[in-house]
Protein backbone atom coordinates (compact mmCIF):
# COMPACT_ATOMS: atom_id res chain seq x y z
CA MET A 1 19.70 -52.87 -51.13
CA LEU A 2 17.94 -52.06 -47.89
CA ASP A 3 16.54 -54.96 -45.96
CA LEU A 4 13.14 -53.82 -44.63
CA GLY A 5 12.47 -57.02 -42.74
CA ARG A 6 15.24 -56.22 -40.34
CA TRP A 7 13.46 -53.13 -38.95
CA ASP A 8 10.44 -54.93 -37.70
CA ARG A 9 8.26 -52.87 -35.30
CA GLN A 10 7.63 -55.82 -33.02
CA SER A 11 11.27 -56.52 -32.37
CA GLU A 12 12.18 -53.01 -31.19
CA GLU A 13 9.83 -50.84 -29.10
CA MET A 14 10.41 -47.12 -28.74
CA GLU A 15 10.90 -45.93 -25.13
CA VAL A 16 10.96 -42.50 -23.63
CA ASN A 17 13.61 -42.19 -20.96
CA ILE A 18 12.16 -39.88 -18.30
CA THR A 19 14.91 -40.29 -15.71
CA SER A 20 16.49 -36.95 -16.51
CA MET A 21 13.08 -35.25 -16.54
CA ILE A 22 12.37 -36.54 -13.02
CA ASP A 23 15.76 -35.22 -11.88
CA VAL A 24 14.95 -31.76 -13.27
CA ILE A 25 11.52 -31.75 -11.59
CA PHE A 26 13.05 -32.62 -8.21
CA ILE A 27 15.68 -29.91 -8.58
CA LEU A 28 12.95 -27.35 -9.40
CA LEU A 29 10.89 -28.54 -6.45
CA ILE A 30 13.84 -28.13 -4.08
CA PHE A 31 14.58 -24.69 -5.54
CA PHE A 32 11.02 -23.45 -4.98
CA MET A 33 10.87 -24.91 -1.47
CA VAL A 34 14.10 -23.17 -0.48
CA SER A 35 13.37 -19.82 -2.13
CA THR A 36 9.73 -19.43 -1.06
CA GLN A 37 8.97 -17.04 1.77
CA PHE A 38 6.29 -18.39 4.04
CA LYS A 39 3.51 -16.24 5.48
CA ARG A 40 4.21 -14.92 8.94
CA ASN A 41 1.68 -14.62 11.79
CA SER A 42 2.15 -10.92 12.27
CA LEU A 43 2.39 -7.96 9.96
CA PRO A 44 5.04 -5.42 10.94
CA LEU A 45 3.76 -1.87 10.53
CA ASP A 46 5.86 1.26 10.72
CA LEU A 47 3.28 4.02 11.03
CA PRO A 48 4.24 7.69 11.00
CA ARG A 49 3.98 9.65 14.24
CA SER A 50 3.10 13.28 14.71
CA GLU A 51 6.02 15.30 16.05
CA ASN A 52 4.05 18.29 17.36
CA SER A 53 1.20 16.63 19.19
CA SER A 54 -0.27 19.02 21.76
CA GLN A 55 -2.12 16.35 23.77
CA GLN A 56 -0.67 13.19 25.14
CA GLU A 57 -2.42 10.10 23.82
CA THR A 58 -4.45 8.22 26.40
CA VAL A 59 -4.91 4.48 26.07
CA LEU A 60 -7.65 2.65 27.96
CA VAL A 61 -7.46 -1.13 28.24
CA LEU A 62 -10.74 -3.04 28.10
CA SER A 63 -10.42 -6.74 28.97
CA VAL A 64 -13.31 -9.00 28.01
CA THR A 65 -13.68 -12.46 29.50
CA GLY A 66 -16.63 -14.82 29.48
CA THR A 67 -18.04 -13.44 32.73
CA SER A 68 -16.62 -9.95 33.31
CA LEU A 69 -15.45 -6.69 31.78
CA GLU A 70 -12.48 -4.76 33.13
CA LEU A 71 -11.75 -1.17 32.12
CA ASP A 72 -8.23 -0.29 33.27
CA GLY A 73 -8.45 -2.82 36.07
CA SER A 74 -11.88 -1.90 37.44
CA VAL A 75 -14.65 -4.47 36.96
CA LEU A 76 -17.89 -3.17 35.49
CA ALA A 77 -21.12 -4.47 33.97
CA LEU A 78 -21.96 -4.27 30.27
CA GLU A 79 -24.58 -1.58 30.94
CA GLU A 80 -21.98 0.63 32.67
CA LEU A 81 -19.53 0.43 29.78
CA GLU A 82 -21.04 2.99 27.40
CA PRO A 83 -21.44 5.85 29.95
CA ARG A 84 -17.91 5.32 31.31
CA LEU A 85 -16.40 5.33 27.82
CA ALA A 86 -18.45 8.35 26.75
CA ALA A 87 -17.24 10.30 29.81
CA SER A 88 -13.62 9.36 29.13
CA TYR A 89 -14.01 10.28 25.46
CA ALA A 90 -15.54 13.66 26.39
CA GLU A 91 -12.46 14.40 28.53
CA ASN A 92 -10.01 13.40 25.82
CA PRO A 93 -11.11 13.13 22.16
CA GLU A 94 -7.74 11.55 21.30
CA LEU A 95 -8.65 8.52 23.41
CA THR A 96 -7.51 5.12 22.15
CA LEU A 97 -9.12 1.92 23.38
CA SER A 98 -7.19 -1.34 23.52
CA LEU A 99 -9.59 -4.30 23.45
CA GLU A 100 -8.29 -7.60 24.86
CA CYS A 101 -10.51 -10.66 24.47
CA HIS A 102 -9.99 -14.13 25.83
CA LYS A 103 -10.21 -16.81 23.16
CA SER A 104 -13.16 -18.51 24.89
CA VAL A 105 -15.39 -15.39 24.74
CA ALA A 106 -18.53 -15.87 22.65
CA PHE A 107 -18.64 -13.83 19.46
CA GLN A 108 -21.99 -12.28 20.38
CA ARG A 109 -20.47 -10.86 23.57
CA VAL A 110 -17.67 -9.24 21.57
CA VAL A 111 -20.25 -7.76 19.16
CA ASP A 112 -22.21 -6.35 22.13
CA VAL A 113 -19.06 -4.76 23.55
CA LEU A 114 -18.07 -3.27 20.17
CA THR A 115 -21.58 -1.86 19.75
CA ARG A 116 -21.31 -0.09 23.11
CA ILE A 117 -17.87 1.26 22.22
CA GLN A 118 -19.19 2.63 18.93
CA ALA A 119 -22.20 4.20 20.70
CA ALA A 120 -19.79 5.97 23.07
CA GLY A 121 -18.17 7.62 20.04
CA ILE A 122 -14.76 5.98 20.21
CA SER A 123 -13.33 5.17 16.80
CA ARG A 124 -9.69 4.47 17.65
CA ILE A 125 -9.70 0.83 18.75
CA GLY A 126 -6.82 -1.60 18.91
CA ILE A 127 -7.71 -5.27 19.16
CA ILE A 128 -5.22 -7.53 20.89
CA HIS A 129 -5.46 -11.10 19.62
CA GLU A 130 -3.49 -12.85 22.35
CA ALA A 131 -5.31 -14.67 25.14
CA VAL A 132 -5.78 -12.81 28.41
CA ASP A 133 -5.14 -15.09 31.38
């Protein structure tokens, strides 16, 4: 006959051994850490180019600092920016503007400069994010 007193619940507690589960979790963690591609700072773009362009593309560089504006090396005031850009754009409608801003420039100043660029009719703008020293 079966002795039921021998299988007393108090004498033997059930345990769940999670040691192997922890090992599997660590292996999965290491796998995901090694196989994950981290986000890079820049986005490489390979844009198509026109082969039969009749005009050569002109790039103007506009440097904005906290106190001055420089258009291709010549210092000018904010009020002079729009007429100069409009004249350059009238000469060459394929004009591209490269905008360089120092990191300490106030956002409102950048907005003012972009407003003047837009009023001059220039729509091809490249913004350079590196600090100008």
